[in-house]
């Protein structure tokens, strides 16, 4: 049997599941407490800095408090490169005119000349 099956059976036992809940609760409580301490310390630093007219320090402390509370989204920078860290090769996305026949190229030229010579506003507007 796999380790996951054995772990599932073990976790289903009342004594084991109770202990797991107890441990998770104490870990969550200690994490919550340390976050509260951290936020309180930042608040004190912010107030002290403002009292001493160090407003940029006060603002920075407040920004860190907000970040700790999840008020600001973290910016992630993604760098993309080609093979072996080199540049990414790109290709033009326009039509491949090399595949046109001579007659098709002549027709394309005529159409292009018509659009260049056409008035800005079509007649009747």
PDB file of N, CA and C in Angstrom:
ATOM      1  N   UNK A   1       0.836  -1.187   0.000  1.00  0.00           N
ATOM      2  CA  UNK A   1       0.000   0.000   0.000  1.00  0.00           C
ATOM      3  C   UNK A   1       0.876   1.244   0.000  1.00  0.00           C
ATOM      4  N   UNK A   2       0.341   2.317  -0.560  1.00  0.00           N
ATOM      5  CA  UNK A   2       1.133   3.539  -0.650  1.00  0.00           C
ATOM      6  C   UNK A   2       1.168   4.269   0.686  1.00  0.00           C
ATOM      7  N   UNK A   3       2.145   5.131   0.811  1.00  0.00           N
ATOM      8  CA  UNK A   3       2.286   5.926   2.023  1.00  0.00           C
ATOM      9  C   UNK A   3       1.067   6.827   2.224  1.00  0.00           C
ATOM     10  N   UNK A   4       0.445   7.240   1.126  1.00  0.00           N
ATOM     11  CA  UNK A   4      -0.722   8.127   1.215  1.00  0.00           C
ATOM     12  C   UNK A   4      -1.933   7.392   1.797  1.00  0.00           C
ATOM     13  N   UNK A   5      -2.080   6.142   1.405  1.00  0.00           N
ATOM     14  CA  UNK A   5      -3.181   5.348   1.966  1.00  0.00           C
ATOM     15  C   UNK A   5      -2.991   5.136   3.467  1.00  0.00           C
ATOM     16  N   UNK A   6      -1.769   4.814   3.861  1.00  0.00           N
ATOM     17  CA  UNK A   6      -1.482   4.614   5.280  1.00  0.00           C
ATOM     18  C   UNK A   6      -1.669   5.911   6.069  1.00  0.00           C
ATOM     19  N   UNK A   7      -1.214   7.018   5.518  1.00  0.00           N
ATOM     20  CA  UNK A   7      -1.369   8.312   6.189  1.00  0.00           C
ATOM     21  C   UNK A   7      -2.838   8.679   6.323  1.00  0.00           C
ATOM     22  N   UNK A   8      -3.619   8.375   5.297  1.00  0.00           N
ATOM     23  CA  UNK A   8      -5.053   8.672   5.333  1.00  0.00           C
ATOM     24  C   UNK A   8      -5.746   7.867   6.425  1.00  0.00           C
ATOM     25  N   UNK A   9      -5.401   6.593   6.524  1.00  0.00           N
ATOM     26  CA  UNK A   9      -5.991   5.746   7.574  1.00  0.00           C
ATOM     27  C   UNK A   9      -5.596   6.242   8.966  1.00  0.00           C
ATOM     28  N   UNK A  10      -4.333   6.608   9.100  1.00  0.00           N
ATOM     29  CA  UNK A  10      -3.844   7.091  10.387  1.00  0.00           C
ATOM     30  C   UNK A  10      -4.531   8.404  10.769  1.00  0.00           C
ATOM     31  N   UNK A  11      -4.667   9.317   9.817  1.00  0.00           N
ATOM     32  CA  UNK A  11      -5.298  10.613  10.086  1.00  0.00           C
ATOM     33  C   UNK A  11      -6.779  10.467  10.400  1.00  0.00           C
ATOM     34  N   UNK A  12      -7.397   9.375   9.969  1.00  0.00           N
ATOM     35  CA  UNK A  12      -8.822   9.157  10.231  1.00  0.00           C
ATOM     36  C   UNK A  12      -9.088   8.732  11.674  1.00  0.00           C
ATOM     37  N   UNK A  13      -8.064   8.291  12.378  1.00  0.00           N
ATOM     38  CA  UNK A  13      -8.240   7.895  13.781  1.00  0.00           C
ATOM     39  C   UNK A  13      -8.501   9.139  14.634  1.00  0.00           C
ATOM     40  N   UNK A  14      -9.432   9.023  15.565  1.00  0.00           N
ATOM     41  CA  UNK A  14      -9.881  10.158  16.373  1.00  0.00           C
ATOM     42  C   UNK A  14      -8.733  10.813  17.138  1.00  0.00           C
ATOM     43  N   UNK A  15      -7.908  10.031  17.797  1.00  0.00           N
ATOM     44  CA  UNK A  15      -6.809  10.594  18.582  1.00  0.00           C
ATOM     45  C   UNK A  15      -5.820  11.353  17.695  1.00  0.00           C
ATOM     46  N   UNK A  16      -5.536  10.783  16.534  1.00  0.00           N
ATOM     47  CA  UNK A  16      -4.578  11.407  15.619  1.00  0.00           C
ATOM     48  C   UNK A  16      -5.155  12.697  15.048  1.00  0.00           C
ATOM     49  N   UNK A  17      -6.402  12.654  14.598  1.00  0.00           N
ATOM     50  CA  UNK A  17      -7.008  13.861  14.017  1.00  0.00           C
ATOM     51  C   UNK A  17      -7.144  14.964  15.061  1.00  0.00           C
ATOM     52  N   UNK A  18      -7.434  14.613  16.312  1.00  0.00           N
ATOM     53  CA  UNK A  18      -7.516  15.611  17.390  1.00  0.00           C
ATOM     54  C   UNK A  18      -6.161  16.278  17.611  1.00  0.00           C
ATOM     55  N   UNK A  19      -5.112  15.471  17.612  1.00  0.00           N
ATOM     56  CA  UNK A  19      -3.760  16.022  17.820  1.00  0.00           C
ATOM     57  C   UNK A  19      -3.355  16.923  16.657  1.00  0.00           C
ATOM     58  N   UNK A  20      -3.710  16.534  15.446  1.00  0.00           N
ATOM     59  CA  UNK A  20      -3.398  17.355  14.270  1.00  0.00           C
ATOM     60  C   UNK A  20      -4.082  18.714  14.388  1.00  0.00           C
ATOM     61  N   UNK A  21      -5.370  18.714  14.772  1.00  0.00           N
ATOM     62  CA  UNK A  21      -6.102  19.977  14.955  1.00  0.00           C
ATOM     63  C   UNK A  21      -5.455  20.833  16.037  1.00  0.00           C
ATOM     64  N   UNK A  22      -5.052  20.193  17.120  1.00  0.00           N
ATOM     65  CA  UNK A  22      -4.412  20.914  18.231  1.00  0.00           C
ATOM     66  C   UNK A  22      -3.109  21.573  17.776  1.00  0.00           C
ATOM     67  N   UNK A  23      -2.288  20.822  17.053  1.00  0.00           N
ATOM     68  CA  UNK A  23      -1.018  21.366  16.572  1.00  0.00           C
ATOM     69  C   UNK A  23      -1.230  22.482  15.562  1.00  0.00           C
ATOM     70  N   UNK A  24      -2.174  22.301  14.665  1.00  0.00           N
ATOM     71  CA  UNK A  24      -2.465  23.350  13.681  1.00  0.00           C
ATOM     72  C   UNK A  24      -2.954  24.618  14.367  1.00  0.00           C
ATOM     73  N   UNK A  25      -3.776  24.459  15.389  1.00  0.00           N
ATOM     74  CA  UNK A  25      -4.289  25.617  16.122  1.00  0.00           C
ATOM     75  C   UNK A  25      -3.189  26.392  16.811  1.00  0.00           C
ATOM     76  N   UNK A  26      -2.257  25.687  17.455  1.00  0.00           N
ATOM     77  CA  UNK A  26      -1.180  26.385  18.161  1.00  0.00           C
ATOM     78  C   UNK A  26      -0.235  27.078  17.186  1.00  0.00           C
ATOM     79  N   UNK A  27       0.008  26.458  16.045  1.00  0.00           N
ATOM     80  CA  UNK A  27       0.848  27.090  15.027  1.00  0.00           C
ATOM     81  C   UNK A  27       0.161  28.341  14.495  1.00  0.00           C
ATOM     82  N   UNK A  28      -1.127  28.245  14.231  1.00  0.00           N
ATOM     83  CA  UNK A  28      -1.873  29.400  13.732  1.00  0.00           C
ATOM     84  C   UNK A  28      -1.903  30.518  14.763  1.00  0.00           C
ATOM     85  N   UNK A  29      -2.084  30.161  16.034  1.00  0.00           N
ATOM     86  CA  UNK A  29      -2.097  31.175  17.093  1.00  0.00           C
ATOM     87  C   UNK A  29      -0.756  31.889  17.201  1.00  0.00           C
ATOM     88  N   UNK A  30       0.343  31.136  17.148  1.00  0.00           N
ATOM     89  CA  UNK A  30       1.655  31.777  17.269  1.00  0.00           C
ATOM     90  C   UNK A  30       1.958  32.646  16.056  1.00  0.00           C
ATOM     91  N   UNK A  31       1.530  32.228  14.883  1.00  0.00           N
ATOM     92  CA  UNK A  31       1.734  33.043  13.685  1.00  0.00           C
ATOM     93  C   UNK A  31       0.918  34.319  13.768  1.00  0.00           C
ATOM     94  N   UNK A  32      -0.308  34.221  14.248  1.00  0.00           N
ATOM     95  CA  UNK A  32      -1.175  35.388  14.390  1.00  0.00           C
ATOM     96  C   UNK A  32      -0.578  36.354  15.402  1.00  0.00           C
ATOM     97  N   UNK A  33      -0.086  35.828  16.500  1.00  0.00           N
ATOM     98  CA  UNK A  33       0.498  36.659  17.549  1.00  0.00           C
ATOM     99  C   UNK A  33       1.729  37.393  17.034  1.00  0.00           C
ATOM    100  N   UNK A  34       2.594  36.707  16.315  1.00  0.00           N
ATOM    101  CA  UNK A  34       3.801  37.355  15.818  1.00  0.00           C
ATOM    102  C   UNK A  34       3.464  38.394  14.752  1.00  0.00           C
ATOM    103  N   UNK A  35       2.434  38.177  13.974  1.00  0.00           N
ATOM    104  CA  UNK A  35       2.010  39.180  13.002  1.00  0.00           C
ATOM    105  C   UNK A  35       1.491  40.414  13.727  1.00  0.00           C
ATOM    106  N   UNK A  36       0.718  40.204  14.785  1.00  0.00           N
ATOM    107  CA  UNK A  36       0.218  41.337  15.566  1.00  0.00           C
ATOM    108  C   UNK A  36       1.371  42.126  16.176  1.00  0.00           C
ATOM    109  N   UNK A  37       2.369  41.415  16.694  1.00  0.00           N
ATOM    110  CA  UNK A  37       3.545  42.094  17.251  1.00  0.00           C
ATOM    111  C   UNK A  37       4.266  42.902  16.178  1.00  0.00           C
ATOM    112  N   UNK A  38       4.429  42.296  15.034  1.00  0.00           N
ATOM    113  CA  UNK A  38       5.116  42.948  13.920  1.00  0.00           C
ATOM    114  C   UNK A  38       4.377  44.225  13.513  1.00  0.00           C
ATOM    115  N   UNK A  39       3.079  44.125  13.363  1.00  0.00           N
ATOM    116  CA  UNK A  39       2.284  45.291  12.970  1.00  0.00           C
ATOM    117  C   UNK A  39       2.329  46.375  14.038  1.00  0.00           C
ATOM    118  N   UNK A  40       2.295  45.974  15.296  1.00  0.00           N
ATOM    119  CA  UNK A  40       2.354  46.942  16.391  1.00  0.00           C
ATOM    120  C   UNK A  40       3.698  47.663  16.405  1.00  0.00           C
ATOM    121  N   UNK A  41       4.768  46.923  16.182  1.00  0.00           N
ATOM    122  CA  UNK A  41       6.102  47.535  16.156  1.00  0.00           C
ATOM    123  C   UNK A  41       6.212  48.527  14.997  1.00  0.00           C
ATOM    124  N   UNK A  42       5.700  48.171  13.837  1.00  0.00           N
ATOM    125  CA  UNK A  42       5.717  49.093  12.697  1.00  0.00           C
ATOM    126  C   UNK A  42       4.892  50.345  12.993  1.00  0.00           C
ATOM    127  N   UNK A  43       3.766  50.168  13.680  1.00  0.00           N
ATOM    128  CA  UNK A  43       2.928  51.317  14.048  1.00  0.00           C
ATOM    129  C   UNK A  43       3.698  52.250  14.976  1.00  0.00           C
ATOM    130  N   UNK A  44       4.385  51.676  15.964  1.00  0.00           N
ATOM    131  CA  UNK A  44       5.171  52.487  16.898  1.00  0.00           C
ATOM    132  C   UNK A  44       6.284  53.244  16.174  1.00  0.00           C
ATOM    133  N   UNK A  45       6.960  52.552  15.249  1.00  0.00           N
ATOM    134  CA  UNK A  45       8.021  53.208  14.483  1.00  0.00           C
ATOM    135  C   UNK A  45       7.466  54.341  13.630  1.00  0.00           C
ATOM    136  N   UNK A  46       6.310  54.121  13.042  1.00  0.00           N
ATOM    137  CA  UNK A  46       5.670  55.147  12.223  1.00  0.00           C
ATOM    138  C   UNK A  46       5.340  56.376  13.054  1.00  0.00           C
ATOM    139  N   UNK A  47       4.758  56.161  14.231  1.00  0.00           N
ATOM    140  CA  UNK A  47       4.390  57.281  15.108  1.00  0.00           C
ATOM    141  C   UNK A  47       5.625  58.034  15.600  1.00  0.00           C
ATOM    142  N   UNK A  48       6.665  57.299  15.968  1.00  0.00           N
ATOM    143  CA  UNK A  48       7.899  57.924  16.435  1.00  0.00           C
ATOM    144  C   UNK A  48       8.542  58.758  15.325  1.00  0.00           C
ATOM    145  N   UNK A  49       8.576  58.199  14.125  1.00  0.00           N
ATOM    146  CA  UNK A  49       9.158  58.931  13.001  1.00  0.00           C
ATOM    147  C   UNK A  49       8.352  60.193  12.702  1.00  0.00           C
ATOM    148  N   UNK A  50       7.041  60.104  12.732  1.00  0.00           N
ATOM    149  CA  UNK A  50       6.198  61.274  12.476  1.00  0.00           C
ATOM    150  C   UNK A  50       6.407  62.328  13.560  1.00  0.00           C
ATOM    151  N   UNK A  51       6.543  61.884  14.812  1.00  0.00           N
ATOM    152  CA  UNK A  51       6.772  62.812  15.926  1.00  0.00           C
ATOM    153  C   UNK A  51       8.077  63.573  15.726  1.00  0.00           C
ATOM    154  N   UNK A  52       9.084  62.907  15.157  1.00  0.00           N
ATOM    155  CA  UNK A  52      10.385  63.529  14.895  1.00  0.00           C
ATOM    156  C   UNK A  52      10.464  64.155  13.505  1.00  0.00           C
ATOM    157  N   UNK A  53       9.310  64.315  12.880  1.00  0.00           N
ATOM    158  CA  UNK A  53       9.184  64.930  11.549  1.00  0.00           C
ATOM    159  C   UNK A  53      10.005  64.202  10.485  1.00  0.00           C
ATOM    160  N   UNK A  54      10.143  62.901  10.631  1.00  0.00           N
ATOM    161  CA  UNK A  54      10.775  62.060   9.613  1.00  0.00           C
ATOM    162  C   UNK A  54       9.643  61.372   8.840  1.00  0.00           C
ATOM    163  N   UNK A  55       8.989  62.172   8.013  1.00  0.00           N
ATOM    164  CA  UNK A  55       7.752  61.708   7.394  1.00  0.00           C
ATOM    165  C   UNK A  55       7.969  60.592   6.373  1.00  0.00           C
ATOM    166  N   UNK A  56       9.083  60.625   5.665  1.00  0.00           N
ATOM    167  CA  UNK A  56       9.313  59.541   4.697  1.00  0.00           C
ATOM    168  C   UNK A  56       9.515  58.209   5.423  1.00  0.00           C
ATOM    169  N   UNK A  57      10.154  58.240   6.587  1.00  0.00           N
ATOM    170  CA  UNK A  57      10.331  57.024   7.386  1.00  0.00           C
ATOM    171  C   UNK A  57       8.976  56.543   7.895  1.00  0.00           C
ATOM    172  N   UNK A  58       8.145  57.486   8.320  1.00  0.00           N
ATOM    173  CA  UNK A  58       6.805  57.140   8.802  1.00  0.00           C
ATOM    174  C   UNK A  58       5.971  56.504   7.693  1.00  0.00           C
ATOM    175  N   UNK A  59       6.032  57.106   6.505  1.00  0.00           N
ATOM    176  CA  UNK A  59       5.278  56.568   5.365  1.00  0.00           C
ATOM    177  C   UNK A  59       5.786  55.176   5.009  1.00  0.00           C
ATOM    178  N   UNK A  60       7.094  54.986   5.033  1.00  0.00           N
ATOM    179  CA  UNK A  60       7.663  53.668   4.722  1.00  0.00           C
ATOM    180  C   UNK A  60       7.183  52.615   5.717  1.00  0.00           C
ATOM    181  N   UNK A  61       7.147  52.969   6.994  1.00  0.00           N
ATOM    182  CA  UNK A  61       6.652  52.027   8.010  1.00  0.00           C
ATOM    183  C   UNK A  61       5.194  51.676   7.743  1.00  0.00           C
ATOM    184  N   UNK A  62       4.399  52.672   7.371  1.00  0.00           N
ATOM    185  CA  UNK A  62       2.986  52.415   7.065  1.00  0.00           C
ATOM    186  C   UNK A  62       2.838  51.539   5.820  1.00  0.00           C
ATOM    187  N   UNK A  63       3.704  51.754   4.840  1.00  0.00           N
ATOM    188  CA  UNK A  63       3.659  50.910   3.638  1.00  0.00           C
ATOM    189  C   UNK A  63       3.983  49.461   3.994  1.00  0.00           C
ATOM    190  N   UNK A  64       4.941  49.283   4.879  1.00  0.00           N
ATOM    191  CA  UNK A  64       5.289  47.920   5.297  1.00  0.00           C
ATOM    192  C   UNK A  64       4.157  47.280   6.096  1.00  0.00           C
ATOM    193  N   UNK A  65       3.468  48.072   6.888  1.00  0.00           N
ATOM    194  CA  UNK A  65       2.296  47.539   7.606  1.00  0.00           C
ATOM    195  C   UNK A  65       1.241  47.086   6.595  1.00  0.00           C
ATOM    196  N   UNK A  66       0.984  47.930   5.604  1.00  0.00           N
ATOM    197  CA  UNK A  66      -0.001  47.578   4.579  1.00  0.00           C
ATOM    198  C   UNK A  66       0.395  46.335   3.806  1.00  0.00           C
ATOM    199  N   UNK A  67       1.692  46.213   3.493  1.00  0.00           N
ATOM    200  CA  UNK A  67       2.165  45.030   2.762  1.00  0.00           C
ATOM    201  C   UNK A  67       1.996  43.773   3.608  1.00  0.00           C
ATOM    202  N   UNK A  68       2.281  43.886   4.918  1.00  0.00           N
ATOM    203  CA  UNK A  68       2.132  42.730   5.808  1.00  0.00           C
ATOM    204  C   UNK A  68       0.677  42.291   5.904  1.00  0.00           C
ATOM    205  N   UNK A  69      -0.229  43.244   5.745  1.00  0.00           N
ATOM    206  CA  UNK A  69      -1.659  42.922   5.793  1.00  0.00           C
ATOM    207  C   UNK A  69      -2.219  42.521   4.428  1.00  0.00           C
ATOM    208  N   UNK A  70      -1.372  42.583   3.389  1.00  0.00           N
ATOM    209  CA  UNK A  70      -1.810  42.172   2.058  1.00  0.00           C
ATOM    210  C   UNK A  70      -2.534  43.249   1.284  1.00  0.00           C
ATOM    211  N   UNK A  71      -2.355  44.518   1.674  1.00  0.00           N
ATOM    212  CA  UNK A  71      -3.032  45.607   0.968  1.00  0.00           C
ATOM    213  C   UNK A  71      -2.418  45.897  -0.395  1.00  0.00           C
ATOM    214  N   UNK A  72      -1.176  45.540  -0.582  1.00  0.00           N
ATOM    215  CA  UNK A  72      -0.485  45.842  -1.833  1.00  0.00           C
ATOM    216  C   UNK A  72      -0.122  44.543  -2.538  1.00  0.00           C
ATOM    217  N   UNK A  73      -0.324  44.529  -3.842  1.00  0.00           N
ATOM    218  CA  UNK A  73       0.067  43.360  -4.632  1.00  0.00           C
ATOM    219  C   UNK A  73       1.570  43.426  -4.874  1.00  0.00           C
ATOM    220  N   UNK A  74       2.233  42.303  -4.739  1.00  0.00           N
ATOM    221  CA  UNK A  74       3.656  42.255  -5.014  1.00  0.00           C
ATOM    222  C   UNK A  74       3.878  42.278  -6.515  1.00  0.00           C
ATOM    223  N   UNK A  75       4.840  43.066  -6.947  1.00  0.00           N
ATOM    224  CA  UNK A  75       5.153  43.121  -8.371  1.00  0.00           C
ATOM    225  C   UNK A  75       6.160  42.027  -8.682  1.00  0.00           C
ATOM    226  N   UNK A  76       5.897  41.330  -9.750  1.00  0.00           N
ATOM    227  CA  UNK A  76       6.813  40.288 -10.176  1.00  0.00           C
ATOM    228  C   UNK A  76       7.365  40.674 -11.534  1.00  0.00           C
ATOM    229  N   UNK A  77       8.637  40.463 -11.695  1.00  0.00           N
ATOM    230  CA  UNK A  77       9.272  40.759 -12.963  1.00  0.00           C
ATOM    231  C   UNK A  77       9.603  39.437 -13.638  1.00  0.00           C
ATOM    232  N   UNK A  78       9.222  39.333 -14.884  1.00  0.00           N
ATOM    233  CA  UNK A  78       9.449  38.113 -15.641  1.00  0.00           C
ATOM    234  C   UNK A  78      10.376  38.429 -16.799  1.00  0.00           C
ATOM    235  N   UNK A  79      11.489  37.750 -16.850  1.00  0.00           N
ATOM    236  CA  UNK A  79      12.421  37.942 -17.947  1.00  0.00           C
ATOM    237  C   UNK A  79      12.363  36.717 -18.847  1.00  0.00           C
ATOM    238  N   UNK A  80      12.263  36.983 -20.124  1.00  0.00           N
ATOM    239  CA  UNK A  80      12.172  35.899 -21.097  1.00  0.00           C
ATOM    240  C   UNK A  80      13.335  36.042 -22.069  1.00  0.00           C
ATOM    241  N   UNK A  81      13.976  34.934 -22.376  1.00  0.00           N
ATOM    242  CA  UNK A  81      15.070  34.969 -23.332  1.00  0.00           C
ATOM    243  C   UNK A  81      14.984  33.742 -24.228  1.00  0.00           C
ATOM    244  N   UNK A  82      15.746  33.796 -25.282  1.00  0.00           N
ATOM    245  CA  UNK A  82      15.786  32.697 -26.231  1.00  0.00           C
ATOM    246  C   UNK A  82      16.717  31.594 -25.754  1.00  0.00           C
ATOM    247  N   UNK A  83      17.057  30.681 -26.654  1.00  0.00           N
ATOM    248  CA  UNK A  83      17.934  29.572 -26.297  1.00  0.00           C
ATOM    249  C   UNK A  83      19.270  30.054 -25.727  1.00  0.00           C
ATOM    250  N   UNK A  84      19.727  29.423 -24.667  1.00  0.00           N
ATOM    251  CA  UNK A  84      20.995  29.728 -23.997  1.00  0.00           C
ATOM    252  C   UNK A  84      21.079  31.185 -23.556  1.00  0.00           C
ATOM    253  N   UNK A  85      19.933  31.791 -23.211  1.00  0.00           N
ATOM    254  CA  UNK A  85      19.917  33.162 -22.719  1.00  0.00           C
ATOM    255  C   UNK A  85      20.023  34.219 -23.796  1.00  0.00           C
ATOM    256  N   UNK A  86      20.028  33.810 -25.040  1.00  0.00           N
ATOM    257  CA  UNK A  86      20.157  34.757 -26.145  1.00  0.00           C
ATOM    258  C   UNK A  86      18.846  35.441 -26.475  1.00  0.00           C
ATOM    259  N   UNK A  87      18.852  36.252 -27.538  1.00  0.00           N
ATOM    260  CA  UNK A  87      17.628  36.961 -27.920  1.00  0.00           C
ATOM    261  C   UNK A  87      16.574  36.007 -28.475  1.00  0.00           C
ATOM    262  N   UNK A  88      15.341  36.439 -28.405  1.00  0.00           N
ATOM    263  CA  UNK A  88      14.238  35.664 -28.961  1.00  0.00           C
ATOM    264  C   UNK A  88      14.116  36.014 -30.436  1.00  0.00           C
ATOM    265  N   UNK A  89      14.136  34.998 -31.266  1.00  0.00           N
ATOM    266  CA  UNK A  89      14.008  35.236 -32.701  1.00  0.00           C
ATOM    267  C   UNK A  89      12.549  35.495 -33.041  1.00  0.00           C
ATOM    268  N   UNK A  90      12.324  36.509 -33.860  1.00  0.00           N
ATOM    269  CA  UNK A  90      10.965  36.841 -34.282  1.00  0.00           C
ATOM    270  C   UNK A  90      10.905  36.853 -35.797  1.00  0.00           C
ATOM    271  N   UNK A  91       9.708  36.716 -36.299  1.00  0.00           N
ATOM    272  CA  UNK A  91       9.496  36.771 -37.738  1.00  0.00           C
ATOM    273  C   UNK A  91       8.412  37.785 -38.027  1.00  0.00           C
ATOM    274  N   UNK A  92       8.538  38.442 -39.170  1.00  0.00           N
ATOM    275  CA  UNK A  92       7.507  39.392 -39.577  1.00  0.00           C
ATOM    276  C   UNK A  92       6.202  38.637 -39.779  1.00  0.00           C
ATOM    277  N   UNK A  93       5.100  39.264 -39.409  1.00  0.00           N
ATOM    278  CA  UNK A  93       3.813  38.587 -39.520  1.00  0.00           C
ATOM    279  C   UNK A  93       3.040  39.016 -40.759  1.00  0.00           C
ATOM    280  N   UNK A  94       3.644  39.831 -41.595  1.00  0.00           N
ATOM    281  CA  UNK A  94       2.964  40.285 -42.808  1.00  0.00           C
ATOM    282  C   UNK A  94       2.884  39.173 -43.844  1.00  0.00           C
ATOM    283  N   UNK A  95       2.212  39.449 -44.950  1.00  0.00           N
ATOM    284  CA  UNK A  95       2.072  38.425 -45.994  1.00  0.00           C
ATOM    285  C   UNK A  95       3.408  38.129 -46.662  1.00  0.00           C
ATOM    286  N   UNK A  96       3.569  36.884 -47.114  1.00  0.00           N
ATOM    287  CA  UNK A  96       4.778  36.470 -47.819  1.00  0.00           C
ATOM    288  C   UNK A  96       4.577  36.745 -49.305  1.00  0.00           C
ATOM    289  N   UNK A  97       5.059  37.911 -49.749  1.00  0.00           N
ATOM    290  CA  UNK A  97       4.865  38.315 -51.148  1.00  0.00           C
ATOM    291  C   UNK A  97       5.744  37.519 -52.103  1.00  0.00           C
ATOM    292  N   UNK A  98       6.731  36.832 -51.609  1.00  0.00           N
ATOM    293  CA  UNK A  98       7.623  36.053 -52.465  1.00  0.00           C
ATOM    294  C   UNK A  98       6.892  34.899 -53.138  1.00  0.00           C
ATOM    295  N   UNK A  99       5.766  34.500 -52.595  1.00  0.00           N
ATOM    296  CA  UNK A  99       5.028  33.368 -53.162  1.00  0.00           C
ATOM    297  C   UNK A  99       4.019  33.792 -54.225  1.00  0.00           C
ATOM    298  N   UNK A 100       3.870  35.099 -54.442  1.00  0.00           N
ATOM    299  CA  UNK A 100       2.897  35.564 -55.439  1.00  0.00           C
ATOM    300  C   UNK A 100       3.468  35.419 -56.846  1.00  0.00           C
ATOM    301  N   UNK A 101       2.572  35.139 -57.777  1.00  0.00           N
ATOM    302  CA  UNK A 101       2.981  35.052 -59.181  1.00  0.00           C
ATOM    303  C   UNK A 101       3.170  36.465 -59.732  1.00  0.00           C
ATOM    304  N   UNK A 102       3.739  36.563 -60.930  1.00  0.00           N
ATOM    305  CA  UNK A 102       3.946  37.867 -61.569  1.00  0.00           C
ATOM    306  C   UNK A 102       2.607  38.569 -61.767  1.00  0.00           C
ATOM    307  N   UNK A 103       1.586  37.840 -62.217  1.00  0.00           N
ATOM    308  CA  UNK A 103       0.260  38.439 -62.426  1.00  0.00           C
ATOM    309  C   UNK A 103      -0.337  38.938 -61.104  1.00  0.00           C
ATOM    310  N   UNK A 104      -0.158  38.168 -60.039  1.00  0.00           N
ATOM    311  CA  UNK A 104      -0.683  38.584 -58.734  1.00  0.00           C
ATOM    312  C   UNK A 104       0.045  39.828 -58.222  1.00  0.00           C
ATOM    313  N   UNK A 105       1.350  39.904 -58.474  1.00  0.00           N
ATOM    314  CA  UNK A 105       2.105  41.090 -58.069  1.00  0.00           C
ATOM    315  C   UNK A 105       1.650  42.324 -58.842  1.00  0.00           C
ATOM    316  N   UNK A 106       1.371  42.169 -60.153  1.00  0.00           N
ATOM    317  CA  UNK A 106       0.869  43.301 -60.961  1.00  0.00           C
ATOM    318  C   UNK A 106      -0.475  43.777 -60.427  1.00  0.00           C
ATOM    319  N   UNK A 107      -1.359  42.827 -60.113  1.00  0.00           N
ATOM    320  CA  UNK A 107      -2.674  43.175 -59.578  1.00  0.00           C
ATOM    321  C   UNK A 107      -2.529  43.883 -58.228  1.00  0.00           C
ATOM    322  N   UNK A 108      -1.642  43.393 -57.401  1.00  0.00           N
ATOM    323  CA  UNK A 108      -1.398  44.028 -56.104  1.00  0.00           C
ATOM    324  C   UNK A 108      -0.895  45.458 -56.289  1.00  0.00           C
ATOM    325  N   UNK A 109      -0.015  45.660 -57.254  1.00  0.00           N
ATOM    326  CA  UNK A 109       0.510  47.009 -57.525  1.00  0.00           C
ATOM    327  C   UNK A 109      -0.606  47.937 -57.972  1.00  0.00           C
ATOM    328  N   UNK A 110      -1.478  47.456 -58.859  1.00  0.00           N
ATOM    329  CA  UNK A 110      -2.600  48.284 -59.336  1.00  0.00           C
ATOM    330  C   UNK A 110      -3.522  48.663 -58.177  1.00  0.00           C
ATOM    331  N   UNK A 111      -3.832  47.701 -57.335  1.00  0.00           N
ATOM    332  CA  UNK A 111      -4.710  47.975 -56.191  1.00  0.00           C
ATOM    333  C   UNK A 111      -4.062  48.957 -55.214  1.00  0.00           C
ATOM    334  N   UNK A 112      -2.772  48.802 -55.000  1.00  0.00           N
ATOM    335  CA  UNK A 112      -2.059  49.707 -54.098  1.00  0.00           C
ATOM    336  C   UNK A 112      -2.061  51.125 -54.652  1.00  0.00           C
ATOM    337  N   UNK A 113      -1.824  51.266 -55.956  1.00  0.00           N
ATOM    338  CA  UNK A 113      -1.830  52.598 -56.572  1.00  0.00           C
ATOM    339  C   UNK A 113      -3.208  53.240 -56.465  1.00  0.00           C
ATOM    340  N   UNK A 114      -4.265  52.447 -56.608  1.00  0.00           N
ATOM    341  CA  UNK A 114      -5.624  52.984 -56.487  1.00  0.00           C
ATOM    342  C   UNK A 114      -5.880  53.499 -55.073  1.00  0.00           C
ATOM    343  N   UNK A 115      -5.397  52.779 -54.087  1.00  0.00           N
ATOM    344  CA  UNK A 115      -5.641  53.229 -52.710  1.00  0.00           C
ATOM    345  C   UNK A 115      -4.824  54.467 -52.379  1.00  0.00           C
ATOM    346  N   UNK A 116      -3.633  54.589 -52.955  1.00  0.00           N
ATOM    347  CA  UNK A 116      -2.806  55.776 -52.710  1.00  0.00           C
ATOM    348  C   UNK A 116      -3.434  57.001 -53.356  1.00  0.00           C
ATOM    349  N   UNK A 117      -3.982  56.835 -54.566  1.00  0.00           N
ATOM    350  CA  UNK A 117      -4.574  57.949 -55.300  1.00  0.00           C
ATOM    351  C   UNK A 117      -6.006  58.240 -54.880  1.00  0.00           C
ATOM    352  N   UNK A 118      -6.599  57.395 -54.062  1.00  0.00           N
ATOM    353  CA  UNK A 118      -8.007  57.565 -53.680  1.00  0.00           C
ATOM    354  C   UNK A 118      -8.166  58.797 -52.797  1.00  0.00           C
ATOM    355  N   UNK A 119      -9.319  59.509 -52.913  1.00  0.00           N
ATOM    356  CA  UNK A 119      -9.568  60.659 -52.043  1.00  0.00           C
ATOM    357  C   UNK A 119      -9.729  60.200 -50.592  1.00  0.00           C
ATOM    358  N   UNK A 120      -9.489  61.114 -49.662  1.00  0.00           N
ATOM    359  CA  UNK A 120      -9.572  60.789 -48.240  1.00  0.00           C
ATOM    360  C   UNK A 120     -10.963  60.333 -47.851  1.00  0.00           C
ATOM    361  N   UNK A 121     -12.010  61.023 -48.346  1.00  0.00           N
ATOM    362  CA  UNK A 121     -13.392  60.649 -48.062  1.00  0.00           C
ATOM    363  C   UNK A 121     -14.012  60.075 -49.319  1.00  0.00           C
ATOM    364  N   UNK A 122     -14.599  58.886 -49.239  1.00  0.00           N
ATOM    365  CA  UNK A 122     -15.248  58.315 -50.419  1.00  0.00           C
ATOM    366  C   UNK A 122     -16.420  59.197 -50.852  1.00  0.00           C
ATOM    367  N   UNK A 123     -16.735  59.203 -52.148  1.00  0.00           N
ATOM    368  CA  UNK A 123     -17.848  60.025 -52.629  1.00  0.00           C
ATOM    369  C   UNK A 123     -19.157  59.602 -51.970  1.00  0.00           C
ATOM    370  N   UNK A 124     -20.017  60.594 -51.710  1.00  0.00           N
ATOM    371  CA  UNK A 124     -21.326  60.315 -51.145  1.00  0.00           C
ATOM    372  C   UNK A 124     -21.368  60.485 -49.642  1.00  0.00           C
ATOM    373  N   UNK A 125     -20.245  60.790 -49.000  1.00  0.00           N
ATOM    374  CA  UNK A 125     -20.240  60.986 -47.539  1.00  0.00           C
ATOM    375  C   UNK A 125     -20.395  62.437 -47.189  1.00  0.00           C
TER     376      UNK A 125
END
